[in-house]
Protein backbone atom coordinates (compact mmCIF):
# COMPACT_ATOMS: atom_id res chain seq x y z
CA MET A 1 0.00 0.00 0.00
CA ALA A 2 1.01 3.62 -0.01
CA ALA A 3 3.76 4.86 2.25
CA SER A 4 2.99 6.60 5.52
CA VAL A 5 3.27 10.37 5.85
CA SER A 6 4.64 12.81 8.38
CA PRO A 7 2.69 15.18 10.63
CA LEU A 8 1.33 18.45 9.36
CA CYS A 9 2.73 20.71 12.03
CA SER A 10 1.07 23.70 13.67
CA SER A 11 1.12 26.85 11.60
CA PHE A 12 -0.21 30.39 11.90
CA LYS A 13 -1.61 32.85 9.43
CA LEU A 14 -0.95 36.54 9.93
CA SER A 15 -4.04 38.64 9.33
CA SER A 16 -4.10 42.36 10.11
CA SER A 17 -1.38 41.85 12.72
CA VAL A 18 -3.44 39.18 14.49
CA LEU A 19 -2.52 35.52 14.57
CA GLN A 20 -4.79 32.82 13.30
CA PRO A 21 -3.83 29.24 14.18
CA SER A 22 -4.14 26.92 11.24
CA CYS A 23 -3.56 23.28 12.21
CA HIS A 24 -1.65 20.60 14.02
CA TYR A 25 -2.65 17.48 12.20
CA LYS A 26 -1.22 14.79 10.01
CA PHE A 27 -2.99 13.85 6.85
CA ARG A 28 -2.86 11.42 3.98
CA ILE A 29 -4.48 11.85 0.59
CA PHE A 30 -4.47 9.11 -2.01
CA ARG A 31 -5.41 9.85 -5.59
CA LYS A 32 -5.09 8.05 -8.91
CA CYS A 33 -2.45 9.76 -11.03
CA SER A 34 -3.94 12.70 -12.94
CA GLY A 35 -1.01 14.97 -13.59
CA LEU A 36 -1.01 16.88 -10.29
CA GLN A 37 2.47 18.07 -9.36
CA ARG A 38 2.51 19.90 -6.03
CA CYS A 39 3.74 18.01 -2.93
CA PHE A 40 3.18 14.64 -4.60
CA HIS A 41 5.44 11.61 -4.84
CA GLN A 42 4.80 8.27 -6.50
CA SER A 43 4.03 5.35 -4.20
CA ALA A 44 6.66 2.63 -4.19
CA PHE A 45 3.91 0.00 -4.14
CA SER A 46 1.44 1.23 -6.74
CA GLN A 47 1.69 2.84 -10.14
CA THR A 48 -1.72 4.49 -9.79
CA ALA A 49 -1.79 5.79 -6.20
CA MET A 50 -0.27 9.13 -5.34
CA VAL A 51 0.50 10.44 -1.87
CA ILE A 52 0.48 14.08 -0.82
CA SER A 53 3.09 14.66 1.86
CA GLY A 54 1.69 16.42 4.91
CA LYS A 55 5.19 17.29 6.01
CA GLU A 56 5.93 18.96 2.69
CA LEU A 57 2.68 20.92 2.72
CA ALA A 58 3.39 22.08 6.29
CA ARG A 59 6.88 23.18 5.27
CA GLN A 60 5.42 25.16 2.38
CA ILE A 61 2.89 26.92 4.62
CA HIS A 62 5.54 27.64 7.25
CA LYS A 63 7.78 29.30 4.68
CA GLU A 64 4.93 31.50 3.51
CA VAL A 65 4.03 32.55 7.04
CA GLN A 66 7.66 33.17 7.97
CA CYS A 67 7.97 35.47 4.97
CA ASP A 68 4.78 37.28 5.96
CA VAL A 69 6.05 37.81 9.51
CA GLU A 70 9.47 38.99 8.33
CA GLU A 71 7.89 41.43 5.86
CA TRP A 72 5.50 42.71 8.52
CA VAL A 73 8.34 43.42 10.95
CA SER A 74 10.56 44.91 8.20
CA PHE A 75 7.91 47.59 7.62
CA GLY A 76 8.43 48.79 11.18
CA ASN A 77 5.53 46.93 12.76
CA LYS A 78 5.89 45.20 16.11
CA GLN A 79 6.58 41.48 16.24
CA PRO A 80 3.33 39.51 16.51
CA HIS A 81 2.71 38.17 20.00
CA LEU A 82 0.41 35.34 21.12
CA SER A 83 -0.86 35.03 24.70
CA VAL A 84 -2.32 31.69 25.80
CA ILE A 85 -4.23 31.13 29.04
CA VAL A 86 -4.27 27.58 30.42
CA VAL A 87 -6.48 26.69 33.38
CA GLY A 88 -5.82 23.52 35.37
CA ASP A 89 -3.61 20.49 34.75
CA ASN A 90 -5.26 18.78 31.76
CA PRO A 91 -2.31 16.98 30.05
CA ALA A 92 -3.87 17.24 26.59
CA SER A 93 -4.36 20.99 26.98
CA HIS A 94 -0.75 21.50 28.01
CA THR A 95 0.43 19.41 25.04
CA TYR A 96 -1.68 21.42 22.59
CA VAL A 97 -0.39 24.70 24.01
CA ARG A 98 3.25 23.58 23.85
CA ASN A 99 2.77 22.70 20.19
CA LYS A 100 1.21 26.09 19.48
CA THR A 101 3.94 28.10 21.19
CA ARG A 102 6.73 26.04 19.59
CA ALA A 103 5.21 26.63 16.18
CA ALA A 104 4.90 30.33 16.92
CA ALA A 105 8.59 30.55 17.85
CA ALA A 106 9.59 28.77 14.65
CA LEU A 107 7.63 31.31 12.63
CA GLY A 108 9.13 34.36 14.31
CA ILE A 109 6.14 34.98 16.58
CA SER A 110 6.68 35.61 20.27
CA SER A 111 4.35 33.98 22.78
CA GLU A 112 3.61 33.51 26.45
CA THR A 113 1.68 30.87 28.39
CA LEU A 114 -0.23 32.08 31.43
CA LEU A 115 -1.09 29.29 33.89
CA ARG A 116 -3.94 29.41 36.37
CA PRO A 117 -5.11 26.70 38.80
CA SER A 118 -8.39 24.88 38.21
CA SER A 119 -9.76 26.69 41.26
CA VAL A 120 -9.49 30.10 39.59
CA SER A 121 -12.76 32.02 39.69
CA GLN A 122 -14.57 33.06 36.55
CA GLU A 123 -14.29 36.69 37.61
CA GLU A 124 -10.50 36.44 37.95
CA LEU A 125 -10.20 34.73 34.57
CA LEU A 126 -12.35 37.36 32.88
CA GLU A 127 -10.31 40.17 34.42
CA MET A 128 -7.12 38.59 33.04
CA ILE A 129 -8.71 38.43 29.58
CA TYR A 130 -9.81 42.08 29.74
CA ARG A 131 -6.28 43.10 30.73
CA LEU A 132 -4.78 41.23 27.76
CA ASN A 133 -7.40 42.75 25.46
CA ARG A 134 -6.15 46.20 26.47
CA ASP A 135 -2.47 45.26 26.15
CA TRP A 136 -1.21 46.70 22.84
CA ARG A 137 1.66 44.20 22.83
CA VAL A 138 -0.75 41.25 22.49
CA SER A 139 -1.70 40.49 18.88
CA GLY A 140 -3.59 37.26 19.49
CA LEU A 141 -5.21 35.72 22.57
CA LEU A 142 -6.70 32.32 23.23
CA VAL A 143 -8.00 30.50 26.28
CA GLN A 144 -7.32 26.79 25.99
CA LEU A 145 -10.46 24.68 26.30
CA PRO A 146 -11.92 22.80 28.09
CA LEU A 147 -12.35 24.83 31.24
CA PRO A 148 -13.40 23.66 34.74
CA GLU A 149 -17.13 23.09 35.18
CA HIS A 150 -17.66 26.17 37.36
CA ILE A 151 -16.56 28.46 34.51
CA ASN A 152 -18.93 29.38 31.67
CA GLU A 153 -16.98 28.71 28.47
CA ARG A 154 -19.27 30.85 26.30
CA ALA A 155 -18.79 33.84 28.62
CA VAL A 156 -15.03 33.35 28.45
CA CYS A 157 -14.94 33.02 24.66
CA ASN A 158 -17.06 36.16 24.28
CA ALA A 159 -14.76 38.08 26.64
CA VAL A 160 -11.82 37.83 24.22
CA ALA A 161 -11.65 40.83 21.89
CA PRO A 162 -12.92 39.69 18.44
CA GLU A 163 -9.85 41.13 16.69
CA LYS A 164 -7.55 39.10 18.99
CA ASP A 165 -9.70 35.94 18.97
CA VAL A 166 -7.35 33.55 17.17
CA ASP A 167 -9.59 30.57 18.04
CA GLY A 168 -12.52 32.14 16.16
CA PHE A 169 -14.90 31.33 19.01
CA HIS A 170 -16.23 34.83 19.74
CA ILE A 171 -19.86 35.30 18.81
CA VAL A 172 -18.90 38.17 16.46
CA ASN A 173 -16.48 35.96 14.51
CA ILE A 174 -19.01 33.12 14.39
CA GLY A 175 -21.63 35.54 13.10
CA LYS A 176 -19.29 36.92 10.44
CA LEU A 177 -18.47 33.37 9.35
CA CYS A 178 -22.17 32.64 8.90
CA LEU A 179 -22.61 35.89 6.92
CA ASP A 180 -19.72 35.07 4.56
CA GLN A 181 -17.62 37.92 5.93
CA LYS A 182 -13.91 37.82 6.66
CA SER A 183 -13.27 36.70 10.22
CA MET A 184 -11.19 34.47 12.42
CA VAL A 185 -12.10 30.88 11.53
CA PRO A 186 -11.66 28.02 14.04
CA ALA A 187 -8.45 26.10 13.46
CA THR A 188 -9.72 22.69 12.34
CA PRO A 189 -12.24 24.01 9.77
CA ALA A 190 -9.63 26.50 8.53
CA ALA A 191 -7.12 23.68 8.12
CA VAL A 192 -9.58 21.50 6.20
CA TRP A 193 -10.48 24.41 3.93
CA GLU A 194 -6.81 25.23 3.33
CA ILE A 195 -5.97 21.63 2.44
CA ILE A 196 -8.97 21.36 0.10
CA LYS A 197 -7.84 24.50 -1.74
CA ARG A 198 -4.19 23.55 -1.93
CA THR A 199 -4.90 20.03 -3.18
CA GLU A 200 -7.46 21.36 -5.67
CA ILE A 201 -10.33 19.16 -4.50
CA GLN A 202 -13.37 20.47 -6.37
CA THR A 203 -16.35 21.56 -4.23
CA VAL A 204 -18.55 23.62 -6.56
CA GLY A 205 -21.81 21.76 -7.12
CA ARG A 206 -20.59 18.71 -5.21
CA ASN A 207 -22.57 16.84 -2.57
CA VAL A 208 -20.93 16.99 0.86
CA VAL A 209 -21.85 15.17 4.08
CA VAL A 210 -20.46 16.50 7.37
CA ALA A 211 -20.83 13.92 10.15
CA GLY A 212 -20.84 16.03 13.31
CA ARG A 213 -22.40 19.37 14.23
CA SER A 214 -20.10 20.80 16.93
CA LYS A 215 -19.97 24.57 16.99
CA ASN A 216 -16.16 24.58 16.73
CA VAL A 217 -15.75 21.99 13.94
CA GLY A 218 -18.77 20.52 12.15
CA MET A 219 -20.81 23.71 11.84
CA PRO A 220 -17.94 25.95 10.61
CA ILE A 221 -16.85 23.30 8.10
CA ALA A 222 -20.39 23.14 6.72
CA MET A 223 -20.54 26.95 6.54
CA LEU A 224 -17.24 27.19 4.65
CA LEU A 225 -18.27 24.56 2.12
CA HIS A 226 -21.83 25.57 1.33
CA THR A 227 -21.54 29.36 1.11
CA ASP A 228 -21.27 31.48 -2.02
CA GLY A 229 -17.86 31.61 -3.67
CA ARG A 230 -18.53 35.18 -4.84
CA HIS A 231 -18.91 36.66 -1.36
CA GLU A 232 -16.43 38.57 0.80
CA ARG A 233 -15.28 35.32 2.39
CA PRO A 234 -15.61 32.92 -0.56
CA GLY A 235 -17.23 29.57 0.16
CA GLY A 236 -17.18 26.24 -1.59
CA ASP A 237 -20.58 26.41 -3.34
CA ALA A 238 -21.26 22.80 -2.35
CA THR A 239 -24.56 21.18 -1.37
CA VAL A 240 -23.98 20.26 2.28
CA THR A 241 -25.85 17.85 4.53
CA ILE A 242 -25.08 17.71 8.26
CA ALA A 243 -25.53 14.42 10.10
CA HIS A 244 -25.29 14.03 13.88
CA ARG A 245 -25.93 11.67 16.80
CA CYS A 246 -29.67 11.57 16.06
CA THR A 247 -29.13 10.52 12.43
CA PRO A 248 -29.85 6.75 12.13
CA ARG A 249 -26.83 4.82 10.89
CA GLU A 250 -28.69 3.51 7.84
CA LYS A 251 -29.71 7.06 6.96
CA LEU A 252 -26.09 8.19 7.39
CA LYS A 253 -24.98 5.41 5.04
CA GLU A 254 -27.61 6.46 2.52
CA LEU A 255 -26.34 10.05 2.63
CA THR A 256 -22.63 9.23 2.45
CA ARG A 257 -23.15 6.88 -0.48
CA LEU A 258 -24.45 9.87 -2.44
CA ALA A 259 -21.71 12.23 -1.29
CA ASP A 260 -18.75 13.39 -3.36
CA ILE A 261 -17.02 14.52 -0.16
CA VAL A 262 -17.48 13.00 3.30
CA ILE A 263 -16.11 14.86 6.33
CA ALA A 264 -16.07 12.84 9.56
CA ALA A 265 -16.06 14.98 12.72
CA ALA A 266 -18.28 13.03 15.10
CA GLY A 267 -15.77 11.59 17.57
CA ILE A 268 -16.85 7.98 16.95
CA PRO A 269 -14.11 5.44 16.09
CA HIS A 270 -14.43 3.91 12.61
CA LEU A 271 -17.84 5.52 12.04
CA ILE A 272 -17.23 5.73 8.27
CA THR A 273 -16.56 2.35 6.69
CA ALA A 274 -15.78 1.27 3.14
CA ASP A 275 -19.36 0.32 2.31
CA MET A 276 -20.48 3.88 3.12
CA VAL A 277 -18.31 5.58 0.48
CA LYS A 278 -18.96 5.66 -3.24
CA GLU A 279 -16.29 5.20 -5.87
CA GLY A 280 -14.14 8.27 -6.39
CA ALA A 281 -15.32 10.11 -3.27
CA THR A 282 -13.17 12.30 -1.05
CA VAL A 283 -13.07 11.29 2.62
CA ILE A 284 -11.77 13.77 5.20
CA ASP A 285 -11.27 12.57 8.78
CA VAL A 286 -10.92 15.15 11.56
CA GLY A 287 -11.91 12.86 14.41
CA ILE A 288 -9.69 11.80 17.28
CA ASN A 289 -10.52 8.85 19.50
CA HIS A 290 -8.56 6.92 22.13
CA ILE A 291 -9.02 3.16 21.86
CA GLN A 292 -7.23 0.14 23.28
CA ASP A 293 -5.17 -1.83 20.78
CA SER A 294 -6.44 -5.41 20.75
CA GLU A 295 -2.94 -6.80 20.17
CA THR A 296 -0.72 -4.66 22.40
CA GLY A 297 -3.26 -3.53 24.97
CA LYS A 298 -1.92 0.02 24.65
CA ILE A 299 -4.06 3.08 24.04
CA ARG A 300 -3.79 4.46 20.52
CA LEU A 301 -5.36 7.27 18.55
CA VAL A 302 -7.72 6.62 15.66
CA GLY A 303 -10.01 8.80 13.61
CA ASP A 304 -13.68 8.46 12.71
CA VAL A 305 -12.82 6.67 9.46
CA ASP A 306 -11.79 3.05 9.02
CA PHE A 307 -8.67 4.35 7.33
CA GLU A 308 -6.78 1.18 6.46
CA VAL A 309 -9.79 -0.35 4.69
CA LEU A 310 -10.68 2.86 2.88
CA LYS A 311 -7.06 3.30 1.83
CA GLY A 312 -7.27 0.05 -0.07
CA LEU A 313 -10.59 1.05 -1.58
CA VAL A 314 -9.26 4.38 -2.76
CA LEU A 315 -6.26 2.85 -4.51
CA VAL A 316 -8.77 1.03 -6.69
CA THR A 317 -11.37 3.78 -7.13
CA SER A 318 -9.07 6.78 -7.61
CA GLY A 319 -10.72 8.80 -4.88
CA TYR A 320 -9.09 10.65 -1.98
CA VAL A 321 -8.63 9.83 1.67
CA LEU A 322 -7.60 12.73 3.85
CA HIS A 323 -6.79 11.87 7.47
CA THR A 324 -6.39 14.81 9.86
CA PRO A 325 -6.78 13.86 13.54
CA ALA A 326 -7.73 16.83 15.67
CA GLY A 327 -9.05 17.35 19.15
CA LEU A 328 -12.80 17.38 18.64
CA SER A 329 -15.81 17.08 20.87
């Protein structure tokens, strides 16, 4: 089968002096040879399958962002600065934040991580956010989720100044996204959209099924794909159907069998199987699930797609499989 690929590392986009996190995922796309050149290499095991290197695509994006940052600073502007607030001792949160700040440093962006105990009050956390909003040195601000149960996440997300909201969770940025206006877009949907554009996957007039309706992933992905390509924030002009936990499995299968693009963001291991995908379809997996390996007994990460089986299917049907694990609810 096709060779494995490297991680697509965290990257940032510079927009009006504010940082927008792009992604920290690895992905694989398999496609029957059709003359595409960028980031592709021929599989050693198949003359028809092609693999797009996530590592190469990440390197390309990093170079672009580094140039943007250098040019920005060369014009006399201050160096972009990212402030991250972490509450509590959640290991996954600390790992995500380390990845973000390391990526920022590699791109020429300064950053700081502000730690608070899980016992911090909502009032104290909000006051910290307001202070960072007023700080002219801070270009971008994010509060790492999840937060302790006694803190209202929506109140916290809305407290971050919209122009510094690199997570894209503020109600103003969500509203602009829904109105096809330029705004901060949540990282996972932005990454999926960027990959679709760079790999030239066609969306206009195509049928798309998004499995998952979370406000940070499923909903923004659907908005990006179905909206008008002629608007201020161009969309994909696709016909999008959203499935969720109340969609019967047989109905989901019926929908995905008609889809040209299937995006799995439900947080259910191996939800999308080979019999649910039509020939030539694109499958994008942004799920992350922890399961126990039946052979080793160790915990491993898998997506929402039965990737190994679909990989074999795609090598025959000349479709795509895109695998981008991300922390989703």
